[in-house]
Amino acid sequence: MKLAIATATVLMLITTTASSADKQYCKFLGEVATATMKLRQMDTDLTKSMEILSENAPDEANKKLFIDMALMAYDEPAYATEEMQEKAVATFSNKIQLNCYNRN
């Protein structure tokens, strides 16, 4: 249930923000998603990841979005092999970007 709420929140924020922004914003979200999933794949503590992401958010709306993105990433498994970690990172980033572009 928490994942569904976090996912809905992220998608809503992406919709709200991306509708008034250009494709650079979707690229930016993809970069944040990449960094977020890399933290997940390194087994970085969730609270620490959320702190890192929120400290680097350009504004309050993005801070909330980044925290929700971390919750989504940490609902995914952390993989042992580098190949699977890279696949998880790429898949997560593409998922976030696709949602942004579809709403842009």
PDB file of N, CA and C in Angstrom:
ATOM      1  N   MET A   1       0.827  -1.188   0.000  1.00  0.00           N
ATOM      2  CA  MET A   1       0.000   0.000   0.000  1.00  0.00           C
ATOM      3  C   MET A   1       0.870   1.251   0.000  1.00  0.00           C
ATOM      4  N   LYS A   2       1.932   1.256   0.840  1.00  0.00           N
ATOM      5  CA  LYS A   2       2.810   2.416   0.878  1.00  0.00           C
ATOM      6  C   LYS A   2       3.469   2.645  -0.471  1.00  0.00           C
ATOM      7  N   LEU A   3       3.847   1.568  -1.159  1.00  0.00           N
ATOM      8  CA  LEU A   3       4.457   1.701  -2.475  1.00  0.00           C
ATOM      9  C   LEU A   3       3.476   2.327  -3.445  1.00  0.00           C
ATOM     10  N   ALA A   4       2.234   1.908  -3.400  1.00  0.00           N
ATOM     11  CA  ALA A   4       1.228   2.458  -4.310  1.00  0.00           C
ATOM     12  C   ALA A   4       1.038   3.953  -4.060  1.00  0.00           C
ATOM     13  N   ILE A   5       1.024   4.348  -2.815  1.00  0.00           N
ATOM     14  CA  ILE A   5       0.878   5.766  -2.478  1.00  0.00           C
ATOM     15  C   ILE A   5       2.107   6.543  -2.925  1.00  0.00           C
ATOM     16  N   ALA A   6       3.296   6.009  -2.659  1.00  0.00           N
ATOM     17  CA  ALA A   6       4.530   6.681  -3.073  1.00  0.00           C
ATOM     18  C   ALA A   6       4.599   6.788  -4.589  1.00  0.00           C
ATOM     19  N   THR A   7       4.236   5.721  -5.280  1.00  0.00           N
ATOM     20  CA  THR A   7       4.252   5.728  -6.745  1.00  0.00           C
ATOM     21  C   THR A   7       3.272   6.765  -7.281  1.00  0.00           C
ATOM     22  N   ALA A   8       2.077   6.793  -6.728  1.00  0.00           N
ATOM     23  CA  ALA A   8       1.065   7.755  -7.174  1.00  0.00           C
ATOM     24  C   ALA A   8       1.544   9.184  -6.914  1.00  0.00           C
ATOM     25  N   THR A   9       2.167   9.405  -5.776  1.00  0.00           N
ATOM     26  CA  THR A   9       2.685  10.735  -5.443  1.00  0.00           C
ATOM     27  C   THR A   9       3.775  11.152  -6.412  1.00  0.00           C
ATOM     28  N   VAL A  10       4.701  10.257  -6.688  1.00  0.00           N
ATOM     29  CA  VAL A  10       5.782  10.568  -7.626  1.00  0.00           C
ATOM     30  C   VAL A  10       5.207  10.884  -8.994  1.00  0.00           C
ATOM     31  N   LEU A  11       4.292  10.067  -9.466  1.00  0.00           N
ATOM     32  CA  LEU A  11       3.704  10.290 -10.781  1.00  0.00           C
ATOM     33  C   LEU A  11       2.927  11.599 -10.828  1.00  0.00           C
ATOM     34  N   MET A  12       2.230  11.930  -9.744  1.00  0.00           N
ATOM     35  CA  MET A  12       1.487  13.182  -9.690  1.00  0.00           C
ATOM     36  C   MET A  12       2.441  14.374  -9.726  1.00  0.00           C
ATOM     37  N   LEU A  13       3.513  14.297  -8.952  1.00  0.00           N
ATOM     38  CA  LEU A  13       4.485  15.391  -8.940  1.00  0.00           C
ATOM     39  C   LEU A  13       5.185  15.524 -10.281  1.00  0.00           C
ATOM     40  N   ILE A  14       5.502  14.400 -10.896  1.00  0.00           N
ATOM     41  CA  ILE A  14       6.114  14.448 -12.219  1.00  0.00           C
ATOM     42  C   ILE A  14       5.155  15.110 -13.196  1.00  0.00           C
ATOM     43  N   THR A  15       3.888  14.741 -13.139  1.00  0.00           N
ATOM     44  CA  THR A  15       2.883  15.319 -14.030  1.00  0.00           C
ATOM     45  C   THR A  15       2.782  16.821 -13.816  1.00  0.00           C
ATOM     46  N   THR A  16       2.698  17.234 -12.572  1.00  0.00           N
ATOM     47  CA  THR A  16       2.553  18.646 -12.254  1.00  0.00           C
ATOM     48  C   THR A  16       3.751  19.449 -12.717  1.00  0.00           C
ATOM     49  N   THR A  17       4.935  18.959 -12.431  1.00  0.00           N
ATOM     50  CA  THR A  17       6.144  19.702 -12.745  1.00  0.00           C
ATOM     51  C   THR A  17       6.499  19.604 -14.217  1.00  0.00           C
ATOM     52  N   ALA A  18       6.396  18.442 -14.795  1.00  0.00           N
ATOM     53  CA  ALA A  18       6.838  18.258 -16.174  1.00  0.00           C
ATOM     54  C   ALA A  18       5.945  18.965 -17.174  1.00  0.00           C
ATOM     55  N   SER A  19       4.700  19.172 -16.843  1.00  0.00           N
ATOM     56  CA  SER A  19       3.807  19.822 -17.792  1.00  0.00           C
ATOM     57  C   SER A  19       4.253  21.246 -18.084  1.00  0.00           C
ATOM     58  N   SER A  20       4.955  21.890 -17.154  1.00  0.00           N
ATOM     59  CA  SER A  20       5.394  23.260 -17.362  1.00  0.00           C
ATOM     60  C   SER A  20       6.887  23.343 -17.682  1.00  0.00           C
ATOM     61  N   ALA A  21       7.526  22.224 -17.839  1.00  0.00           N
ATOM     62  CA  ALA A  21       8.963  22.211 -18.097  1.00  0.00           C
ATOM     63  C   ALA A  21       9.249  21.533 -19.430  1.00  0.00           C
ATOM     64  N   ASP A  22      10.461  21.695 -19.869  1.00  0.00           N
ATOM     65  CA  ASP A  22      10.842  21.046 -21.126  1.00  0.00           C
ATOM     66  C   ASP A  22      11.457  19.673 -20.871  1.00  0.00           C
ATOM     67  N   LYS A  23      11.932  19.073 -21.886  1.00  0.00           N
ATOM     68  CA  LYS A  23      12.470  17.709 -21.798  1.00  0.00           C
ATOM     69  C   LYS A  23      13.720  17.626 -20.935  1.00  0.00           C
ATOM     70  N   GLN A  24      14.350  18.756 -20.683  1.00  0.00           N
ATOM     71  CA  GLN A  24      15.523  18.760 -19.803  1.00  0.00           C
ATOM     72  C   GLN A  24      15.147  18.293 -18.401  1.00  0.00           C
ATOM     73  N   TYR A  25      13.927  18.623 -17.977  1.00  0.00           N
ATOM     74  CA  TYR A  25      13.494  18.209 -16.650  1.00  0.00           C
ATOM     75  C   TYR A  25      13.371  16.688 -16.565  1.00  0.00           C
ATOM     76  N   CYS A  26      12.860  16.064 -17.628  1.00  0.00           N
ATOM     77  CA  CYS A  26      12.753  14.600 -17.649  1.00  0.00           C
ATOM     78  C   CYS A  26      14.143  13.965 -17.609  1.00  0.00           C
ATOM     79  N   LYS A  27      15.084  14.567 -18.318  1.00  0.00           N
ATOM     80  CA  LYS A  27      16.464  14.080 -18.285  1.00  0.00           C
ATOM     81  C   LYS A  27      17.030  14.218 -16.869  1.00  0.00           C
ATOM     82  N   PHE A  28      16.767  15.358 -16.251  1.00  0.00           N
ATOM     83  CA  PHE A  28      17.202  15.612 -14.880  1.00  0.00           C
ATOM     84  C   PHE A  28      16.624  14.561 -13.927  1.00  0.00           C
ATOM     85  N   LEU A  29      15.324  14.264 -14.057  1.00  0.00           N
ATOM     86  CA  LEU A  29      14.718  13.241 -13.203  1.00  0.00           C
ATOM     87  C   LEU A  29      15.356  11.876 -13.426  1.00  0.00           C
ATOM     88  N   GLY A  30      15.713  11.584 -14.674  1.00  0.00           N
ATOM     89  CA  GLY A  30      16.406  10.334 -14.960  1.00  0.00           C
ATOM     90  C   GLY A  30      17.751  10.255 -14.260  1.00  0.00           C
ATOM     91  N   GLU A  31      18.456  11.370 -14.215  1.00  0.00           N
ATOM     92  CA  GLU A  31      19.750  11.406 -13.526  1.00  0.00           C
ATOM     93  C   GLU A  31      19.572  11.211 -12.025  1.00  0.00           C
ATOM     94  N   VAL A  32      18.545  11.836 -11.470  1.00  0.00           N
ATOM     95  CA  VAL A  32      18.259  11.658 -10.039  1.00  0.00           C
ATOM     96  C   VAL A  32      17.859  10.207  -9.768  1.00  0.00           C
ATOM     97  N   ALA A  33      17.054   9.637 -10.646  1.00  0.00           N
ATOM     98  CA  ALA A  33      16.636   8.236 -10.488  1.00  0.00           C
ATOM     99  C   ALA A  33      17.846   7.307 -10.549  1.00  0.00           C
ATOM    100  N   THR A  34      18.780   7.599 -11.441  1.00  0.00           N
ATOM    101  CA  THR A  34      20.009   6.802 -11.541  1.00  0.00           C
ATOM    102  C   THR A  34      20.779   6.862 -10.229  1.00  0.00           C
ATOM    103  N   ALA A  35      20.969   8.071  -9.713  1.00  0.00           N
ATOM    104  CA  ALA A  35      21.703   8.230  -8.446  1.00  0.00           C
ATOM    105  C   ALA A  35      20.978   7.539  -7.298  1.00  0.00           C
ATOM    106  N   THR A  36      19.665   7.647  -7.302  1.00  0.00           N
ATOM    107  CA  THR A  36      18.860   7.033  -6.243  1.00  0.00           C
ATOM    108  C   THR A  36      19.003   5.513  -6.249  1.00  0.00           C
ATOM    109  N   MET A  37      18.887   4.901  -7.421  1.00  0.00           N
ATOM    110  CA  MET A  37      18.983   3.447  -7.496  1.00  0.00           C
ATOM    111  C   MET A  37      20.415   2.978  -7.244  1.00  0.00           C
ATOM    112  N   LYS A  38      21.401   3.779  -7.600  1.00  0.00           N
ATOM    113  CA  LYS A  38      22.786   3.408  -7.275  1.00  0.00           C
ATOM    114  C   LYS A  38      22.969   3.355  -5.765  1.00  0.00           C
ATOM    115  N   LEU A  39      22.391   4.313  -5.052  1.00  0.00           N
ATOM    116  CA  LEU A  39      22.452   4.270  -3.585  1.00  0.00           C
ATOM    117  C   LEU A  39      21.788   2.997  -3.075  1.00  0.00           C
ATOM    118  N   ARG A  40      20.652   2.646  -3.667  1.00  0.00           N
ATOM    119  CA  ARG A  40      19.949   1.424  -3.267  1.00  0.00           C
ATOM    120  C   ARG A  40      20.801   0.191  -3.515  1.00  0.00           C
ATOM    121  N   GLN A  41      21.425   0.131  -4.665  1.00  0.00           N
ATOM    122  CA  GLN A  41      22.222  -1.042  -5.029  1.00  0.00           C
ATOM    123  C   GLN A  41      23.481  -1.162  -4.181  1.00  0.00           C
ATOM    124  N   MET A  42      23.935  -0.053  -3.592  1.00  0.00           N
ATOM    125  CA  MET A  42      25.098  -0.089  -2.693  1.00  0.00           C
ATOM    126  C   MET A  42      24.679  -0.397  -1.257  1.00  0.00           C
ATOM    127  N   ASP A  43      23.375  -0.656  -1.055  1.00  0.00           N
ATOM    128  CA  ASP A  43      22.818  -0.918   0.277  1.00  0.00           C
ATOM    129  C   ASP A  43      23.028   0.247   1.241  1.00  0.00           C
ATOM    130  N   THR A  44      23.032   1.463   0.715  1.00  0.00           N
ATOM    131  CA  THR A  44      23.086   2.649   1.556  1.00  0.00           C
ATOM    132  C   THR A  44      21.821   2.682   2.396  1.00  0.00           C
ATOM    133  N   ASP A  45      21.950   3.052   3.638  1.00  0.00           N
ATOM    134  CA  ASP A  45      20.804   3.150   4.535  1.00  0.00           C
ATOM    135  C   ASP A  45      19.735   4.065   3.927  1.00  0.00           C
ATOM    136  N   LEU A  46      18.471   3.664   3.989  1.00  0.00           N
ATOM    137  CA  LEU A  46      17.381   4.419   3.383  1.00  0.00           C
ATOM    138  C   LEU A  46      17.315   5.853   3.914  1.00  0.00           C
ATOM    139  N   THR A  47      17.396   6.006   5.213  1.00  0.00           N
ATOM    140  CA  THR A  47      17.321   7.352   5.795  1.00  0.00           C
ATOM    141  C   THR A  47      18.466   8.215   5.297  1.00  0.00           C
ATOM    142  N   LYS A  48      19.648   7.651   5.204  1.00  0.00           N
ATOM    143  CA  LYS A  48      20.801   8.389   4.690  1.00  0.00           C
ATOM    144  C   LYS A  48      20.567   8.781   3.230  1.00  0.00           C
ATOM    145  N   SER A  49      20.037   7.877   2.443  1.00  0.00           N
ATOM    146  CA  SER A  49      19.734   8.177   1.040  1.00  0.00           C
ATOM    147  C   SER A  49      18.729   9.315   0.930  1.00  0.00           C
ATOM    148  N   MET A  50      17.687   9.271   1.743  1.00  0.00           N
ATOM    149  CA  MET A  50      16.685  10.335   1.695  1.00  0.00           C
ATOM    150  C   MET A  50      17.292  11.675   2.101  1.00  0.00           C
ATOM    151  N   GLU A  51      18.193  11.663   3.077  1.00  0.00           N
ATOM    152  CA  GLU A  51      18.873  12.900   3.476  1.00  0.00           C
ATOM    153  C   GLU A  51      19.717  13.454   2.337  1.00  0.00           C
ATOM    154  N   ILE A  52      20.489  12.588   1.693  1.00  0.00           N
ATOM    155  CA  ILE A  52      21.341  13.005   0.580  1.00  0.00           C
ATOM    156  C   ILE A  52      20.487  13.611  -0.535  1.00  0.00           C
ATOM    157  N   LEU A  53      19.420  12.927  -0.890  1.00  0.00           N
ATOM    158  CA  LEU A  53      18.558  13.390  -1.975  1.00  0.00           C
ATOM    159  C   LEU A  53      17.865  14.704  -1.619  1.00  0.00           C
ATOM    160  N   SER A  54      17.325  14.808  -0.418  1.00  0.00           N
ATOM    161  CA  SER A  54      16.606  16.029  -0.053  1.00  0.00           C
ATOM    162  C   SER A  54      17.543  17.228   0.067  1.00  0.00           C
ATOM    163  N   GLU A  55      18.772  16.995   0.523  1.00  0.00           N
ATOM    164  CA  GLU A  55      19.757  18.084   0.616  1.00  0.00           C
ATOM    165  C   GLU A  55      20.133  18.626  -0.756  1.00  0.00           C
ATOM    166  N   ASN A  56      20.014  17.801  -1.778  1.00  0.00           N
ATOM    167  CA  ASN A  56      20.405  18.207  -3.129  1.00  0.00           C
ATOM    168  C   ASN A  56      19.226  18.592  -4.015  1.00  0.00           C
ATOM    169  N   ALA A  57      18.034  18.619  -3.457  1.00  0.00           N
ATOM    170  CA  ALA A  57      16.857  19.011  -4.233  1.00  0.00           C
ATOM    171  C   ALA A  57      16.861  20.521  -4.453  1.00  0.00           C
ATOM    172  N   PRO A  58      16.509  20.959  -5.665  1.00  0.00           N
ATOM    173  CA  PRO A  58      16.531  22.388  -5.953  1.00  0.00           C
ATOM    174  C   PRO A  58      15.415  23.179  -5.272  1.00  0.00           C
ATOM    175  N   ASP A  59      14.333  22.508  -4.864  1.00  0.00           N
ATOM    176  CA  ASP A  59      13.224  23.204  -4.208  1.00  0.00           C
ATOM    177  C   ASP A  59      12.382  22.196  -3.422  1.00  0.00           C
ATOM    178  N   GLU A  60      11.363  22.698  -2.742  1.00  0.00           N
ATOM    179  CA  GLU A  60      10.544  21.836  -1.879  1.00  0.00           C
ATOM    180  C   GLU A  60       9.758  20.790  -2.663  1.00  0.00           C
ATOM    181  N   ALA A  61       9.231  21.146  -3.817  1.00  0.00           N
ATOM    182  CA  ALA A  61       8.469  20.171  -4.609  1.00  0.00           C
ATOM    183  C   ALA A  61       9.367  19.015  -5.034  1.00  0.00           C
ATOM    184  N   ASN A  62      10.574  19.340  -5.459  1.00  0.00           N
ATOM    185  CA  ASN A  62      11.508  18.288  -5.857  1.00  0.00           C
ATOM    186  C   ASN A  62      12.004  17.502  -4.657  1.00  0.00           C
ATOM    187  N   LYS A  63      12.121  18.136  -3.506  1.00  0.00           N
ATOM    188  CA  LYS A  63      12.540  17.428  -2.293  1.00  0.00           C
ATOM    189  C   LYS A  63      11.554  16.300  -1.990  1.00  0.00           C
ATOM    190  N   LYS A  64      10.263  16.597  -2.041  1.00  0.00           N
ATOM    191  CA  LYS A  64       9.229  15.584  -1.803  1.00  0.00           C
ATOM    192  C   LYS A  64       9.307  14.496  -2.870  1.00  0.00           C
ATOM    193  N   LEU A  65       9.476  14.903  -4.109  1.00  0.00           N
ATOM    194  CA  LEU A  65       9.587  13.955  -5.219  1.00  0.00           C
ATOM    195  C   LEU A  65      10.791  13.029  -5.023  1.00  0.00           C
ATOM    196  N   PHE A  66      11.927  13.575  -4.640  1.00  0.00           N
ATOM    197  CA  PHE A  66      13.147  12.785  -4.467  1.00  0.00           C
ATOM    198  C   PHE A  66      12.998  11.781  -3.326  1.00  0.00           C
ATOM    199  N   ILE A  67      12.349  12.194  -2.247  1.00  0.00           N
ATOM    200  CA  ILE A  67      12.126  11.277  -1.119  1.00  0.00           C
ATOM    201  C   ILE A  67      11.207  10.134  -1.551  1.00  0.00           C
ATOM    202  N   ASP A  68      10.147  10.470  -2.279  1.00  0.00           N
ATOM    203  CA  ASP A  68       9.252   9.427  -2.778  1.00  0.00           C
ATOM    204  C   ASP A  68       9.962   8.508  -3.765  1.00  0.00           C
ATOM    205  N   MET A  69      10.861   9.074  -4.560  1.00  0.00           N
ATOM    206  CA  MET A  69      11.637   8.271  -5.505  1.00  0.00           C
ATOM    207  C   MET A  69      12.527   7.284  -4.730  1.00  0.00           C
ATOM    208  N   ALA A  70      13.093   7.738  -3.618  1.00  0.00           N
ATOM    209  CA  ALA A  70      13.912   6.844  -2.795  1.00  0.00           C
ATOM    210  C   ALA A  70      13.068   5.695  -2.254  1.00  0.00           C
ATOM    211  N   LEU A  71      11.867   5.994  -1.807  1.00  0.00           N
ATOM    212  CA  LEU A  71      10.990   4.939  -1.298  1.00  0.00           C
ATOM    213  C   LEU A  71      10.676   3.924  -2.386  1.00  0.00           C
ATOM    214  N   MET A  72      10.457   4.405  -3.597  1.00  0.00           N
ATOM    215  CA  MET A  72      10.206   3.486  -4.721  1.00  0.00           C
ATOM    216  C   MET A  72      11.435   2.624  -4.993  1.00  0.00           C
ATOM    217  N   ALA A  73      12.617   3.240  -4.994  1.00  0.00           N
ATOM    218  CA  ALA A  73      13.848   2.497  -5.279  1.00  0.00           C
ATOM    219  C   ALA A  73      14.109   1.433  -4.219  1.00  0.00           C
ATOM    220  N   TYR A  74      13.852   1.770  -2.960  1.00  0.00           N
ATOM    221  CA  TYR A  74      14.139   0.832  -1.882  1.00  0.00           C
ATOM    222  C   TYR A  74      13.093  -0.266  -1.770  1.00  0.00           C
ATOM    223  N   ASP A  75      12.029  -0.154  -2.532  1.00  0.00           N
ATOM    224  CA  ASP A  75      11.073  -1.248  -2.605  1.00  0.00           C
ATOM    225  C   ASP A  75      11.553  -2.314  -3.590  1.00  0.00           C
ATOM    226  N   GLU A  76      12.579  -1.976  -4.358  1.00  0.00           N
ATOM    227  CA  GLU A  76      13.196  -2.905  -5.307  1.00  0.00           C
ATOM    228  C   GLU A  76      14.347  -3.637  -4.618  1.00  0.00           C
ATOM    229  N   PRO A  77      14.670  -4.837  -5.074  1.00  0.00           N
ATOM    230  CA  PRO A  77      15.778  -5.573  -4.440  1.00  0.00           C
ATOM    231  C   PRO A  77      17.145  -4.973  -4.770  1.00  0.00           C
ATOM    232  N   ALA A  78      18.089  -5.189  -3.864  1.00  0.00           N
ATOM    233  CA  ALA A  78      19.494  -4.869  -4.116  1.00  0.00           C
ATOM    234  C   ALA A  78      20.134  -6.154  -4.628  1.00  0.00           C
ATOM    235  N   TYR A  79      20.829  -6.051  -5.741  1.00  0.00           N
ATOM    236  CA  TYR A  79      21.408  -7.229  -6.377  1.00  0.00           C
ATOM    237  C   TYR A  79      22.876  -7.393  -6.020  1.00  0.00           C
ATOM    238  N   ALA A  80      23.344  -8.625  -6.088  1.00  0.00           N
ATOM    239  CA  ALA A  80      24.721  -8.943  -5.723  1.00  0.00           C
ATOM    240  C   ALA A  80      25.692  -8.731  -6.878  1.00  0.00           C
ATOM    241  N   THR A  81      25.256  -8.974  -8.107  1.00  0.00           N
ATOM    242  CA  THR A  81      26.181  -8.870  -9.235  1.00  0.00           C
ATOM    243  C   THR A  81      26.112  -7.475  -9.861  1.00  0.00           C
ATOM    244  N   GLU A  82      27.236  -7.033 -10.352  1.00  0.00           N
ATOM    245  CA  GLU A  82      27.318  -5.716 -10.979  1.00  0.00           C
ATOM    246  C   GLU A  82      26.378  -5.627 -12.188  1.00  0.00           C
ATOM    247  N   GLU A  83      26.296  -6.702 -12.942  1.00  0.00           N
ATOM    248  CA  GLU A  83      25.433  -6.716 -14.123  1.00  0.00           C
ATOM    249  C   GLU A  83      23.971  -6.477 -13.748  1.00  0.00           C
ATOM    250  N   MET A  84      23.502  -7.145 -12.723  1.00  0.00           N
ATOM    251  CA  MET A  84      22.109  -6.978 -12.301  1.00  0.00           C
ATOM    252  C   MET A  84      21.883  -5.606 -11.653  1.00  0.00           C
ATOM    253  N   GLN A  85      22.893  -5.095 -10.948  1.00  0.00           N
ATOM    254  CA  GLN A  85      22.782  -3.762 -10.371  1.00  0.00           C
ATOM    255  C   GLN A  85      22.632  -2.712 -11.466  1.00  0.00           C
ATOM    256  N   GLU A  86      23.456  -2.829 -12.515  1.00  0.00           N
ATOM    257  CA  GLU A  86      23.388  -1.887 -13.630  1.00  0.00           C
ATOM    258  C   GLU A  86      22.035  -1.968 -14.325  1.00  0.00           C
ATOM    259  N   LYS A  87      21.510  -3.171 -14.466  1.00  0.00           N
ATOM    260  CA  LYS A  87      20.198  -3.352 -15.088  1.00  0.00           C
ATOM    261  C   LYS A  87      19.109  -2.709 -14.230  1.00  0.00           C
ATOM    262  N   ALA A  88      19.188  -2.885 -12.920  1.00  0.00           N
ATOM    263  CA  ALA A  88      18.198  -2.285 -12.015  1.00  0.00           C
ATOM    264  C   ALA A  88      18.252  -0.763 -12.087  1.00  0.00           C
ATOM    265  N   VAL A  89      19.463  -0.204 -12.148  1.00  0.00           N
ATOM    266  CA  VAL A  89      19.636   1.243 -12.244  1.00  0.00           C
ATOM    267  C   VAL A  89      19.022   1.762 -13.543  1.00  0.00           C
ATOM    268  N   ALA A  90      19.360   1.125 -14.657  1.00  0.00           N
ATOM    269  CA  ALA A  90      18.846   1.564 -15.965  1.00  0.00           C
ATOM    270  C   ALA A  90      17.329   1.439 -16.036  1.00  0.00           C
ATOM    271  N   THR A  91      16.789   0.335 -15.546  1.00  0.00           N
ATOM    272  CA  THR A  91      15.347   0.113 -15.582  1.00  0.00           C
ATOM    273  C   THR A  91      14.615   1.167 -14.761  1.00  0.00           C
ATOM    274  N   PHE A  92      15.116   1.458 -13.581  1.00  0.00           N
ATOM    275  CA  PHE A  92      14.476   2.443 -12.706  1.00  0.00           C
ATOM    276  C   PHE A  92      14.530   3.841 -13.329  1.00  0.00           C
ATOM    277  N   SER A  93      15.678   4.215 -13.837  1.00  0.00           N
ATOM    278  CA  SER A  93      15.829   5.523 -14.474  1.00  0.00           C
ATOM    279  C   SER A  93      14.897   5.660 -15.678  1.00  0.00           C
ATOM    280  N   ASN A  94      14.851   4.638 -16.500  1.00  0.00           N
ATOM    281  CA  ASN A  94      13.980   4.675 -17.673  1.00  0.00           C
ATOM    282  C   ASN A  94      12.502   4.746 -17.296  1.00  0.00           C
ATOM    283  N   LYS A  95      12.128   4.064 -16.235  1.00  0.00           N
ATOM    284  CA  LYS A  95      10.743   4.092 -15.763  1.00  0.00           C
ATOM    285  C   LYS A  95      10.351   5.515 -15.351  1.00  0.00           C
ATOM    286  N   ILE A  96      11.211   6.173 -14.599  1.00  0.00           N
ATOM    287  CA  ILE A  96      10.937   7.541 -14.152  1.00  0.00           C
ATOM    288  C   ILE A  96      10.889   8.485 -15.351  1.00  0.00           C
ATOM    289  N   GLN A  97      11.857   8.354 -16.262  1.00  0.00           N
ATOM    290  CA  GLN A  97      11.873   9.224 -17.441  1.00  0.00           C
ATOM    291  C   GLN A  97      10.648   8.992 -18.333  1.00  0.00           C
ATOM    292  N   LEU A  98      10.278   7.750 -18.524  1.00  0.00           N
ATOM    293  CA  LEU A  98       9.127   7.437 -19.366  1.00  0.00           C
ATOM    294  C   LEU A  98       7.856   8.093 -18.816  1.00  0.00           C
ATOM    295  N   ASN A  99       7.666   8.001 -17.525  1.00  0.00           N
ATOM    296  CA  ASN A  99       6.493   8.642 -16.911  1.00  0.00           C
ATOM    297  C   ASN A  99       6.524  10.152 -17.127  1.00  0.00           C
ATOM    298  N   CYS A 100       7.689  10.743 -17.021  1.00  0.00           N
ATOM    299  CA  CYS A 100       7.827  12.179 -17.238  1.00  0.00           C
ATOM    300  C   CYS A 100       7.524  12.547 -18.684  1.00  0.00           C
ATOM    301  N   TYR A 101       8.154  11.860 -19.623  1.00  0.00           N
ATOM    302  CA  TYR A 101       7.935  12.169 -21.033  1.00  0.00           C
ATOM    303  C   TYR A 101       6.485  11.949 -21.455  1.00  0.00           C
ATOM    304  N   ASN A 102       5.837  10.941 -20.925  1.00  0.00           N
ATOM    305  CA  ASN A 102       4.441  10.675 -21.272  1.00  0.00           C
ATOM    306  C   ASN A 102       3.502  11.776 -20.781  1.00  0.00           C
ATOM    307  N   ARG A 103       3.949  12.538 -19.817  1.00  0.00           N
ATOM    308  CA  ARG A 103       3.124  13.609 -19.260  1.00  0.00           C
ATOM    309  C   ARG A 103       3.551  14.984 -19.753  1.00  0.00           C
ATOM    310  N   ASN A 104       4.601  15.016 -20.526  1.00  0.00           N
ATOM    311  CA  ASN A 104       5.145  16.291 -21.006  1.00  0.00           C
ATOM    312  C   ASN A 104       4.449  16.742 -22.276  1.00  0.00           C
TER     313      ASN A 104
END
